[in-house]
Amino acid sequence: KQHTFVETESVRYVYQPMEKLYMVLITTKNSNILEDLETLRLFSRVIP
């Protein structure tokens, strides 16, 4: 299944695969998923 986030009872993981690694953001469950994805893209652009 192609998703960019996964949730547990307490937190939400927003992630992006980068070859053999993952860029992962851990947020609260009530955070805005659209803002989370935008922030994730900025984090992924910073690493290269």
All heavy atoms as atom14 arrays in JSON, in Angstrom:
{
  "sequence": "KQHTFVETESVRYVYQPMEKLYMVLITTKNSNILEDLETLRLFSRVIP",
  "atom14_mask": [
    [1, 1, 1, 1, 1, 1, 1, 1, 1, 0, 0, 0, 0, 0],
    [1, 1, 1, 1, 1, 1, 1, 1, 1, 0, 0, 0, 0, 0],
    [1, 1, 1, 1, 1, 1, 1, 1, 1, 1, 0, 0, 0, 0],
    [1, 1, 1, 1, 1, 1, 1, 0, 0, 0, 0, 0, 0, 0],
    [1, 1, 1, 1, 1, 1, 1, 1, 1, 1, 1, 0, 0, 0],
    [1, 1, 1, 1, 1, 1, 1, 0, 0, 0, 0, 0, 0, 0],
    [1, 1, 1, 1, 1, 1, 1, 1, 1, 0, 0, 0, 0, 0],
    [1, 1, 1, 1, 1, 1, 1, 0, 0, 0, 0, 0, 0, 0],
    [1, 1, 1, 1, 1, 1, 1, 1, 1, 0, 0, 0, 0, 0],
    [1, 1, 1, 1, 1, 1, 0, 0, 0, 0, 0, 0, 0, 0],
    [1, 1, 1, 1, 1, 1, 1, 0, 0, 0, 0, 0, 0, 0],
    [1, 1, 1, 1, 1, 1, 1, 1, 1, 1, 1, 0, 0, 0],
    [1, 1, 1, 1, 1, 1, 1, 1, 1, 1, 1, 1, 0, 0],
    [1, 1, 1, 1, 1, 1, 1, 0, 0, 0, 0, 0, 0, 0],
    [1, 1, 1, 1, 1, 1, 1, 1, 1, 1, 1, 1, 0, 0],
    [1, 1, 1, 1, 1, 1, 1, 1, 1, 0, 0, 0, 0, 0],
    [1, 1, 1, 1, 1, 1, 1, 0, 0, 0, 0, 0, 0, 0],
    [1, 1, 1, 1, 1, 1, 1, 1, 0, 0, 0, 0, 0, 0],
    [1, 1, 1, 1, 1, 1, 1, 1, 1, 0, 0, 0, 0, 0],
    [1, 1, 1, 1, 1, 1, 1, 1, 1, 0, 0, 0, 0, 0],
    [1, 1, 1, 1, 1, 1, 1, 1, 0, 0, 0, 0, 0, 0],
    [1, 1, 1, 1, 1, 1, 1, 1, 1, 1, 1, 1, 0, 0],
    [1, 1, 1, 1, 1, 1, 1, 1, 0, 0, 0, 0, 0, 0],
    [1, 1, 1, 1, 1, 1, 1, 0, 0, 0, 0, 0, 0, 0],
    [1, 1, 1, 1, 1, 1, 1, 1, 0, 0, 0, 0, 0, 0],
    [1, 1, 1, 1, 1, 1, 1, 1, 0, 0, 0, 0, 0, 0],
    [1, 1, 1, 1, 1, 1, 1, 0, 0, 0, 0, 0, 0, 0],
    [1, 1, 1, 1, 1, 1, 1, 0, 0, 0, 0, 0, 0, 0],
    [1, 1, 1, 1, 1, 1, 1, 1, 1, 0, 0, 0, 0, 0],
    [1, 1, 1, 1, 1, 1, 1, 1, 0, 0, 0, 0, 0, 0],
    [1, 1, 1, 1, 1, 1, 0, 0, 0, 0, 0, 0, 0, 0],
    [1, 1, 1, 1, 1, 1, 1, 1, 0, 0, 0, 0, 0, 0],
    [1, 1, 1, 1, 1, 1, 1, 1, 0, 0, 0, 0, 0, 0],
    [1, 1, 1, 1, 1, 1, 1, 1, 0, 0, 0, 0, 0, 0],
    [1, 1, 1, 1, 1, 1, 1, 1, 1, 0, 0, 0, 0, 0],
    [1, 1, 1, 1, 1, 1, 1, 1, 0, 0, 0, 0, 0, 0],
    [1, 1, 1, 1, 1, 1, 1, 1, 0, 0, 0, 0, 0, 0],
    [1, 1, 1, 1, 1, 1, 1, 1, 1, 0, 0, 0, 0, 0],
    [1, 1, 1, 1, 1, 1, 1, 0, 0, 0, 0, 0, 0, 0],
    [1, 1, 1, 1, 1, 1, 1, 1, 0, 0, 0, 0, 0, 0],
    [1, 1, 1, 1, 1, 1, 1, 1, 1, 1, 1, 0, 0, 0],
    [1, 1, 1, 1, 1, 1, 1, 1, 0, 0, 0, 0, 0, 0],
    [1, 1, 1, 1, 1, 1, 1, 1, 1, 1, 1, 0, 0, 0],
    [1, 1, 1, 1, 1, 1, 0, 0, 0, 0, 0, 0, 0, 0],
    [1, 1, 1, 1, 1, 1, 1, 1, 1, 1, 1, 0, 0, 0],
    [1, 1, 1, 1, 1, 1, 1, 0, 0, 0, 0, 0, 0, 0],
    [1, 1, 1, 1, 1, 1, 1, 1, 0, 0, 0, 0, 0, 0],
    [1, 1, 1, 1, 1, 1, 1, 0, 0, 0, 0, 0, 0, 0]
  ],
  "atom14_positions": [
    [[0.86, -1.18, 0.0], [0.0, 0.0, 0.0], [0.9, 1.24, 0.0], [1.83, 1.33, 0.77], [-0.9, 0.02, 1.23], [-1.91, -1.11, 1.24], [-2.85, -0.97, 2.44], [-3.88, -2.11, 2.44], [-4.8, -1.99, 3.59], [0.0, 0.0, 0.0], [0.0, 0.0, 0.0], [0.0, 0.0, 0.0], [0.0, 0.0, 0.0], [0.0, 0.0, 0.0]],
    [[0.57, 2.15, -0.89], [1.37, 3.35, -1.04], [0.76, 4.48, -0.21], [-0.21, 5.12, -0.62], [1.46, 3.76, -2.51], [2.2, 2.73, -3.36], [2.37, 3.2, -4.79], [1.82, 4.23, -5.16], [3.1, 2.45, -5.59], [0.0, 0.0, 0.0], [0.0, 0.0, 0.0], [0.0, 0.0, 0.0], [0.0, 0.0, 0.0], [0.0, 0.0, 0.0]],
    [[1.3, 4.67, 0.97], [0.88, 5.75, 1.85], [2.1, 6.57, 2.23], [3.24, 6.14, 2.08], [0.22, 5.2, 3.14], [-1.11, 4.57, 2.89], [-2.18, 5.26, 2.39], [-1.54, 3.29, 3.08], [-3.23, 4.45, 2.28], [-2.86, 3.24, 2.68], [0.0, 0.0, 0.0], [0.0, 0.0, 0.0], [0.0, 0.0, 0.0], [0.0, 0.0, 0.0]],
    [[1.86, 7.75, 2.72], [2.95, 8.59, 3.2], [2.86, 8.82, 4.69], [3.64, 9.6, 5.24], [2.92, 9.95, 2.49], [1.64, 10.54, 2.68], [3.22, 9.79, 1.01], [0.0, 0.0, 0.0], [0.0, 0.0, 0.0], [0.0, 0.0, 0.0], [0.0, 0.0, 0.0], [0.0, 0.0, 0.0], [0.0, 0.0, 0.0], [0.0, 0.0, 0.0]],
    [[1.9, 8.19, 5.36], [1.8, 8.34, 6.8], [1.21, 7.07, 7.4], [0.56, 6.27, 6.72], [0.94, 9.56, 7.18], [-0.54, 9.37, 6.9], [-1.39, 8.93, 7.89], [-1.05, 9.66, 5.64], [-2.74, 8.76, 7.62], [-2.39, 9.49, 5.38], [-3.24, 9.05, 6.37], [0.0, 0.0, 0.0], [0.0, 0.0, 0.0], [0.0, 0.0, 0.0]],
    [[1.45, 6.88, 8.7], [0.88, 5.77, 9.44], [0.67, 6.25, 10.87], [1.44, 7.08, 11.38], [1.81, 4.53, 9.38], [3.14, 4.82, 10.05], [1.15, 3.32, 10.01], [0.0, 0.0, 0.0], [0.0, 0.0, 0.0], [0.0, 0.0, 0.0], [0.0, 0.0, 0.0], [0.0, 0.0, 0.0], [0.0, 0.0, 0.0], [0.0, 0.0, 0.0]],
    [[-0.38, 5.77, 11.52], [-0.75, 6.27, 12.83], [-0.76, 5.16, 13.86], [-0.98, 3.99, 13.54], [-2.14, 6.93, 12.78], [-2.2, 8.19, 11.95], [-3.58, 8.83, 12.01], [-4.5, 8.19, 12.55], [-3.73, 9.97, 11.51], [0.0, 0.0, 0.0], [0.0, 0.0, 0.0], [0.0, 0.0, 0.0], [0.0, 0.0, 0.0], [0.0, 0.0, 0.0]],
    [[-0.52, 5.58, 15.1], [-0.7, 4.7, 16.26], [-1.7, 5.38, 17.19], [-2.34, 6.38, 16.83], [0.64, 4.47, 16.98], [1.1, 5.7, 17.52], [1.69, 3.91, 16.03], [0.0, 0.0, 0.0], [0.0, 0.0, 0.0], [0.0, 0.0, 0.0], [0.0, 0.0, 0.0], [0.0, 0.0, 0.0], [0.0, 0.0, 0.0], [0.0, 0.0, 0.0]],
    [[-1.84, 4.86, 18.39], [-2.8, 5.45, 19.33], [-2.35, 6.83, 19.81], [-3.19, 7.64, 20.23], [-2.96, 4.52, 20.54], [-3.6, 3.18, 20.19], [-3.75, 2.31, 21.42], [-3.29, 2.74, 22.51], [-4.31, 1.21, 21.3], [0.0, 0.0, 0.0], [0.0, 0.0, 0.0], [0.0, 0.0, 0.0], [0.0, 0.0, 0.0], [0.0, 0.0, 0.0]],
    [[-1.05, 7.11, 19.76], [-0.56, 8.37, 20.34], [0.09, 9.3, 19.33], [0.03, 10.52, 19.49], [0.45, 8.07, 21.45], [1.51, 7.28, 20.94], [0.0, 0.0, 0.0], [0.0, 0.0, 0.0], [0.0, 0.0, 0.0], [0.0, 0.0, 0.0], [0.0, 0.0, 0.0], [0.0, 0.0, 0.0], [0.0, 0.0, 0.0], [0.0, 0.0, 0.0]],
    [[0.73, 8.79, 18.28], [1.47, 9.64, 17.36], [1.14, 9.28, 15.92], [0.52, 8.25, 15.64], [3.0, 9.52, 17.58], [3.39, 9.99, 18.95], [3.48, 8.09, 17.32], [0.0, 0.0, 0.0], [0.0, 0.0, 0.0], [0.0, 0.0, 0.0], [0.0, 0.0, 0.0], [0.0, 0.0, 0.0], [0.0, 0.0, 0.0], [0.0, 0.0, 0.0]],
    [[1.61, 10.14, 15.02], [1.48, 9.91, 13.59], [2.87, 10.0, 12.97], [3.65, 10.91, 13.27], [0.57, 10.95, 12.96], [0.48, 10.85, 11.42], [-0.26, 12.03, 10.83], [-1.64, 12.01, 11.23], [-2.41, 13.08, 11.28], [-1.91, 14.27, 10.99], [-3.68, 13.0, 11.66], [0.0, 0.0, 0.0], [0.0, 0.0, 0.0], [0.0, 0.0, 0.0]],
    [[3.19, 9.02, 12.1], [4.43, 9.03, 11.36], [4.14, 9.52, 9.95], [3.32, 8.95, 9.23], [5.04, 7.63, 11.26], [5.39, 6.98, 12.58], [4.48, 6.17, 13.25], [6.65, 7.14, 13.14], [4.79, 5.56, 14.45], [6.98, 6.52, 14.33], [6.05, 5.73, 14.99], [6.36, 5.12, 16.16], [0.0, 0.0, 0.0], [0.0, 0.0, 0.0]],
    [[4.84, 10.57, 9.53], [4.77, 11.04, 8.15], [6.16, 10.81, 7.56], [7.15, 11.31, 8.09], [4.4, 12.54, 8.08], [4.2, 12.96, 6.63], [3.16, 12.82, 8.9], [0.0, 0.0, 0.0], [0.0, 0.0, 0.0], [0.0, 0.0, 0.0], [0.0, 0.0, 0.0], [0.0, 0.0, 0.0], [0.0, 0.0, 0.0], [0.0, 0.0, 0.0]],
    [[6.24, 10.05, 6.47], [7.55, 9.59, 6.01], [7.67, 9.7, 4.51], [6.67, 9.79, 3.77], [7.81, 8.15, 6.45], [6.84, 7.14, 5.87], [7.11, 6.47, 4.68], [5.63, 6.86, 6.52], [6.23, 5.55, 4.15], [4.74, 5.93, 5.99], [5.04, 5.29, 4.81], [4.17, 4.38, 4.28], [0.0, 0.0, 0.0], [0.0, 0.0, 0.0]],
    [[8.91, 9.67, 4.06], [9.24, 9.66, 2.64], [10.47, 8.78, 2.42], [11.5, 9.02, 3.04], [9.52, 11.07, 2.12], [9.9, 11.1, 0.64], [10.03, 12.51, 0.11], [9.38, 13.43, 0.61], [10.89, 12.71, -0.87], [0.0, 0.0, 0.0], [0.0, 0.0, 0.0], [0.0, 0.0, 0.0], [0.0, 0.0, 0.0], [0.0, 0.0, 0.0]],
    [[10.38, 7.76, 1.56], [11.55, 6.92, 1.3], [12.62, 7.69, 0.53], [12.32, 8.48, -0.37], [10.98, 5.77, 0.45], [9.5, 5.85, 0.6], [9.17, 7.27, 0.87], [0.0, 0.0, 0.0], [0.0, 0.0, 0.0], [0.0, 0.0, 0.0], [0.0, 0.0, 0.0], [0.0, 0.0, 0.0], [0.0, 0.0, 0.0], [0.0, 0.0, 0.0]],
    [[13.88, 7.44, 0.89], [15.03, 8.03, 0.2], [16.04, 6.91, -0.03], [16.91, 6.67, 0.82], [15.64, 9.16, 1.02], [14.72, 10.33, 1.28], [15.56, 11.71, 2.08], [16.21, 10.91, 3.54], [0.0, 0.0, 0.0], [0.0, 0.0, 0.0], [0.0, 0.0, 0.0], [0.0, 0.0, 0.0], [0.0, 0.0, 0.0], [0.0, 0.0, 0.0]],
    [[15.9, 6.2, -1.15], [16.74, 5.05, -1.47], [16.65, 4.02, -0.34], [15.6, 3.45, -0.1], [18.18, 5.49, -1.74], [18.29, 6.38, -2.97], [19.71, 6.78, -3.28], [20.64, 6.31, -2.59], [19.9, 7.58, -4.24], [0.0, 0.0, 0.0], [0.0, 0.0, 0.0], [0.0, 0.0, 0.0], [0.0, 0.0, 0.0], [0.0, 0.0, 0.0]],
    [[17.72, 3.81, 0.42], [17.72, 2.81, 1.49], [17.34, 3.41, 2.85], [17.39, 2.7, 3.86], [19.1, 2.15, 1.6], [19.51, 1.37, 0.37], [20.87, 0.72, 0.57], [21.29, -0.05, -0.67], [22.62, -0.7, -0.49], [0.0, 0.0, 0.0], [0.0, 0.0, 0.0], [0.0, 0.0, 0.0], [0.0, 0.0, 0.0], [0.0, 0.0, 0.0]],
    [[16.96, 4.68, 2.87], [16.67, 5.35, 4.13], [15.25, 5.91, 4.12], [14.56, 5.89, 3.1], [17.68, 6.49, 4.36], [19.16, 6.12, 4.3], [20.01, 7.37, 4.41], [19.52, 5.14, 5.41], [0.0, 0.0, 0.0], [0.0, 0.0, 0.0], [0.0, 0.0, 0.0], [0.0, 0.0, 0.0], [0.0, 0.0, 0.0], [0.0, 0.0, 0.0]],
    [[14.82, 6.4, 5.28], [13.54, 7.07, 5.42], [13.75, 8.43, 6.08], [14.51, 8.57, 7.04], [12.59, 6.25, 6.3], [11.9, 5.1, 5.6], [12.17, 3.79, 5.97], [10.97, 5.33, 4.59], [11.54, 2.73, 5.34], [10.35, 4.27, 3.96], [10.63, 2.98, 4.33], [10.0, 1.94, 3.7], [0.0, 0.0, 0.0], [0.0, 0.0, 0.0]],
    [[13.04, 9.44, 5.56], [12.9, 10.72, 6.26], [11.56, 10.67, 6.97], [10.51, 10.55, 6.34], [12.94, 11.87, 5.24], [12.79, 13.23, 5.87], [14.21, 13.71, 6.87], [13.4, 14.27, 8.37], [0.0, 0.0, 0.0], [0.0, 0.0, 0.0], [0.0, 0.0, 0.0], [0.0, 0.0, 0.0], [0.0, 0.0, 0.0], [0.0, 0.0, 0.0]],
    [[11.58, 10.72, 8.31], [10.39, 10.5, 9.12], [10.13, 11.72, 10.0], [11.05, 12.23, 10.66], [10.55, 9.24, 10.01], [9.26, 8.97, 10.78], [10.92, 8.04, 9.18], [0.0, 0.0, 0.0], [0.0, 0.0, 0.0], [0.0, 0.0, 0.0], [0.0, 0.0, 0.0], [0.0, 0.0, 0.0], [0.0, 0.0, 0.0], [0.0, 0.0, 0.0]],
    [[8.88, 12.17, 10.0], [8.42, 13.18, 10.95], [7.43, 12.51, 11.9], [6.51, 11.81, 11.47], [7.73, 14.35, 10.23], [8.53, 15.11, 9.17], [7.72, 16.27, 8.65], [9.85, 15.59, 9.74], [0.0, 0.0, 0.0], [0.0, 0.0, 0.0], [0.0, 0.0, 0.0], [0.0, 0.0, 0.0], [0.0, 0.0, 0.0], [0.0, 0.0, 0.0]],
    [[7.61, 12.74, 13.19], [6.71, 12.21, 14.21], [5.9, 13.38, 14.76], [6.47, 14.32, 15.32], [7.48, 11.5, 15.33], [8.34, 10.36, 14.75], [6.52, 10.95, 16.37], [9.21, 9.67, 15.78], [0.0, 0.0, 0.0], [0.0, 0.0, 0.0], [0.0, 0.0, 0.0], [0.0, 0.0, 0.0], [0.0, 0.0, 0.0], [0.0, 0.0, 0.0]],
    [[4.58, 13.35, 14.56], [3.71, 14.45, 14.96], [2.61, 13.92, 15.86], [2.43, 12.7, 16.01], [3.09, 15.13, 13.74], [2.15, 14.23, 13.13], [4.16, 15.5, 12.72], [0.0, 0.0, 0.0], [0.0, 0.0, 0.0], [0.0, 0.0, 0.0], [0.0, 0.0, 0.0], [0.0, 0.0, 0.0], [0.0, 0.0, 0.0], [0.0, 0.0, 0.0]],
    [[1.84, 14.85, 16.42], [0.65, 14.45, 17.16], [-0.46, 14.11, 16.18], [-0.44, 14.51, 15.01], [0.21, 15.61, 18.07], [-0.02, 16.76, 17.26], [1.27, 15.9, 19.12], [0.0, 0.0, 0.0], [0.0, 0.0, 0.0], [0.0, 0.0, 0.0], [0.0, 0.0, 0.0], [0.0, 0.0, 0.0], [0.0, 0.0, 0.0], [0.0, 0.0, 0.0]],
    [[-1.47, 13.4, 16.65], [-2.54, 12.94, 15.76], [-3.47, 14.07, 15.33], [-4.17, 13.94, 14.32], [-3.34, 11.83, 16.44], [-2.54, 10.55, 16.63], [-3.38, 9.44, 17.21], [-4.44, 8.99, 16.23], [-5.19, 7.83, 16.72], [0.0, 0.0, 0.0], [0.0, 0.0, 0.0], [0.0, 0.0, 0.0], [0.0, 0.0, 0.0], [0.0, 0.0, 0.0]],
    [[-3.48, 15.18, 16.07], [-4.38, 16.27, 15.71], [-3.7, 17.32, 14.84], [-4.25, 18.4, 14.62], [-4.95, 16.94, 16.96], [-3.84, 17.46, 17.87], [-2.67, 17.3, 17.56], [-4.23, 18.08, 18.96], [0.0, 0.0, 0.0], [0.0, 0.0, 0.0], [0.0, 0.0, 0.0], [0.0, 0.0, 0.0], [0.0, 0.0, 0.0], [0.0, 0.0, 0.0]],
    [[-2.5, 17.03, 14.34], [-1.82, 17.99, 13.47], [-2.41, 17.94, 12.07], [-3.03, 16.95, 11.66], [-0.32, 17.69, 13.42], [-0.1, 16.45, 12.78], [0.0, 0.0, 0.0], [0.0, 0.0, 0.0], [0.0, 0.0, 0.0], [0.0, 0.0, 0.0], [0.0, 0.0, 0.0], [0.0, 0.0, 0.0], [0.0, 0.0, 0.0], [0.0, 0.0, 0.0]],
    [[-2.2, 19.01, 11.3], [-2.72, 19.12, 9.94], [-1.84, 18.29, 9.01], [-0.66, 18.58, 8.82], [-2.73, 20.58, 9.52], [-3.48, 20.8, 8.22], [-3.46, 19.95, 7.33], [-4.16, 21.94, 8.11], [0.0, 0.0, 0.0], [0.0, 0.0, 0.0], [0.0, 0.0, 0.0], [0.0, 0.0, 0.0], [0.0, 0.0, 0.0], [0.0, 0.0, 0.0]],
    [[-2.44, 17.27, 8.38], [-1.65, 16.35, 7.55], [-1.1, 17.07, 6.32], [0.0, 16.76, 5.85], [-2.5, 15.12, 7.15], [-1.65, 14.1, 6.38], [-3.71, 15.56, 6.32], [-0.55, 13.51, 7.19], [0.0, 0.0, 0.0], [0.0, 0.0, 0.0], [0.0, 0.0, 0.0], [0.0, 0.0, 0.0], [0.0, 0.0, 0.0], [0.0, 0.0, 0.0]],
    [[-1.81, 18.08, 5.79], [-1.31, 18.8, 4.62], [-0.07, 19.62, 4.98], [0.91, 19.66, 4.22], [-2.41, 19.71, 4.06], [-3.65, 18.99, 3.54], [-4.68, 20.0, 3.05], [-3.28, 18.03, 2.41], [0.0, 0.0, 0.0], [0.0, 0.0, 0.0], [0.0, 0.0, 0.0], [0.0, 0.0, 0.0], [0.0, 0.0, 0.0], [0.0, 0.0, 0.0]],
    [[-0.09, 20.27, 6.13], [1.09, 20.99, 6.57], [2.24, 20.04, 6.88], [3.41, 20.35, 6.63], [0.76, 21.83, 7.81], [-0.18, 22.98, 7.53], [-0.42, 23.81, 8.79], [0.24, 23.53, 9.81], [-1.25, 24.73, 8.73], [0.0, 0.0, 0.0], [0.0, 0.0, 0.0], [0.0, 0.0, 0.0], [0.0, 0.0, 0.0], [0.0, 0.0, 0.0]],
    [[1.89, 18.87, 7.42], [2.93, 17.86, 7.7], [3.64, 17.44, 6.42], [4.87, 17.33, 6.37], [2.31, 16.63, 8.37], [1.78, 16.94, 9.75], [2.12, 18.02, 10.27], [1.03, 16.12, 10.3], [0.0, 0.0, 0.0], [0.0, 0.0, 0.0], [0.0, 0.0, 0.0], [0.0, 0.0, 0.0], [0.0, 0.0, 0.0], [0.0, 0.0, 0.0]],
    [[2.87, 17.21, 5.36], [3.47, 16.77, 4.09], [4.33, 17.87, 3.48], [5.39, 17.61, 2.91], [2.36, 16.35, 3.12], [1.57, 15.1, 3.51], [0.42, 14.87, 2.55], [2.48, 13.88, 3.54], [0.0, 0.0, 0.0], [0.0, 0.0, 0.0], [0.0, 0.0, 0.0], [0.0, 0.0, 0.0], [0.0, 0.0, 0.0], [0.0, 0.0, 0.0]],
    [[3.87, 19.12, 3.59], [4.67, 20.24, 3.07], [5.99, 20.37, 3.84], [7.05, 20.6, 3.25], [3.85, 21.53, 3.18], [4.53, 22.73, 2.55], [4.67, 22.6, 1.04], [3.85, 21.88, 0.42], [5.61, 23.19, 0.49], [0.0, 0.0, 0.0], [0.0, 0.0, 0.0], [0.0, 0.0, 0.0], [0.0, 0.0, 0.0], [0.0, 0.0, 0.0]],
    [[5.92, 20.21, 5.15], [7.15, 20.26, 5.95], [8.07, 19.09, 5.63], [9.3, 19.24, 5.57], [6.79, 20.23, 7.45], [5.86, 21.27, 7.73], [8.03, 20.41, 8.31], [0.0, 0.0, 0.0], [0.0, 0.0, 0.0], [0.0, 0.0, 0.0], [0.0, 0.0, 0.0], [0.0, 0.0, 0.0], [0.0, 0.0, 0.0], [0.0, 0.0, 0.0]],
    [[7.48, 17.92, 5.41], [8.28, 16.74, 5.05], [9.04, 16.97, 3.75], [10.21, 16.59, 3.63], [7.37, 15.52, 4.94], [8.03, 14.22, 4.51], [9.03, 13.75, 5.55], [6.99, 13.14, 4.26], [0.0, 0.0, 0.0], [0.0, 0.0, 0.0], [0.0, 0.0, 0.0], [0.0, 0.0, 0.0], [0.0, 0.0, 0.0], [0.0, 0.0, 0.0]],
    [[8.4, 17.59, 2.76], [9.08, 17.85, 1.5], [10.27, 18.8, 1.7], [11.32, 18.63, 1.07], [8.09, 18.44, 0.48], [7.22, 17.38, -0.2], [6.48, 17.98, -1.37], [5.4, 18.86, -0.93], [4.15, 18.44, -0.69], [3.86, 17.17, -0.84], [3.23, 19.29, -0.31], [0.0, 0.0, 0.0], [0.0, 0.0, 0.0], [0.0, 0.0, 0.0]],
    [[10.11, 19.78, 2.56], [11.22, 20.7, 2.83], [12.37, 19.98, 3.53], [13.55, 20.19, 3.2], [10.73, 21.88, 3.67], [11.75, 22.97, 3.99], [12.35, 23.53, 2.7], [11.11, 24.08, 4.81], [0.0, 0.0, 0.0], [0.0, 0.0, 0.0], [0.0, 0.0, 0.0], [0.0, 0.0, 0.0], [0.0, 0.0, 0.0], [0.0, 0.0, 0.0]],
    [[12.05, 19.12, 4.49], [13.1, 18.33, 5.15], [13.84, 17.46, 4.15], [15.07, 17.35, 4.18], [12.47, 17.44, 6.23], [12.37, 18.09, 7.58], [11.18, 18.64, 8.01], [13.46, 18.15, 8.43], [11.07, 19.24, 9.25], [13.36, 18.75, 9.67], [12.17, 19.3, 10.08], [0.0, 0.0, 0.0], [0.0, 0.0, 0.0], [0.0, 0.0, 0.0]],
    [[13.11, 16.85, 3.21], [13.73, 15.96, 2.23], [14.61, 16.72, 1.25], [15.59, 16.17, 0.73], [12.65, 15.19, 1.47], [11.86, 14.43, 2.36], [0.0, 0.0, 0.0], [0.0, 0.0, 0.0], [0.0, 0.0, 0.0], [0.0, 0.0, 0.0], [0.0, 0.0, 0.0], [0.0, 0.0, 0.0], [0.0, 0.0, 0.0], [0.0, 0.0, 0.0]],
    [[14.27, 17.99, 0.98], [15.1, 18.79, 0.09], [16.35, 19.31, 0.77], [17.35, 19.61, 0.11], [14.28, 19.97, -0.45], [13.17, 19.57, -1.41], [12.32, 20.77, -1.79], [13.12, 21.8, -2.44], [12.71, 23.05, -2.62], [11.53, 23.44, -2.13], [13.49, 23.93, -3.23], [0.0, 0.0, 0.0], [0.0, 0.0, 0.0], [0.0, 0.0, 0.0]],
    [[16.31, 19.42, 2.1], [17.47, 19.92, 2.83], [18.62, 18.91, 2.83], [19.79, 19.28, 2.72], [17.07, 20.27, 4.29], [18.29, 20.36, 5.19], [16.32, 21.59, 4.31], [0.0, 0.0, 0.0], [0.0, 0.0, 0.0], [0.0, 0.0, 0.0], [0.0, 0.0, 0.0], [0.0, 0.0, 0.0], [0.0, 0.0, 0.0], [0.0, 0.0, 0.0]],
    [[18.3, 17.61, 2.92], [19.33, 16.59, 3.08], [20.32, 16.56, 1.9], [21.53, 16.56, 2.11], [18.68, 15.21, 3.31], [17.94, 15.23, 4.65], [19.72, 14.1, 3.28], [17.17, 13.98, 4.94], [0.0, 0.0, 0.0], [0.0, 0.0, 0.0], [0.0, 0.0, 0.0], [0.0, 0.0, 0.0], [0.0, 0.0, 0.0], [0.0, 0.0, 0.0]],
    [[19.86, 16.59, 0.62], [20.86, 16.6, -0.48], [21.72, 17.86, -0.52], [22.76, 17.86, -1.18], [19.98, 16.49, -1.74], [18.69, 15.91, -1.29], [18.49, 16.43, 0.1], [0.0, 0.0, 0.0], [0.0, 0.0, 0.0], [0.0, 0.0, 0.0], [0.0, 0.0, 0.0], [0.0, 0.0, 0.0], [0.0, 0.0, 0.0], [0.0, 0.0, 0.0]]
  ]
}
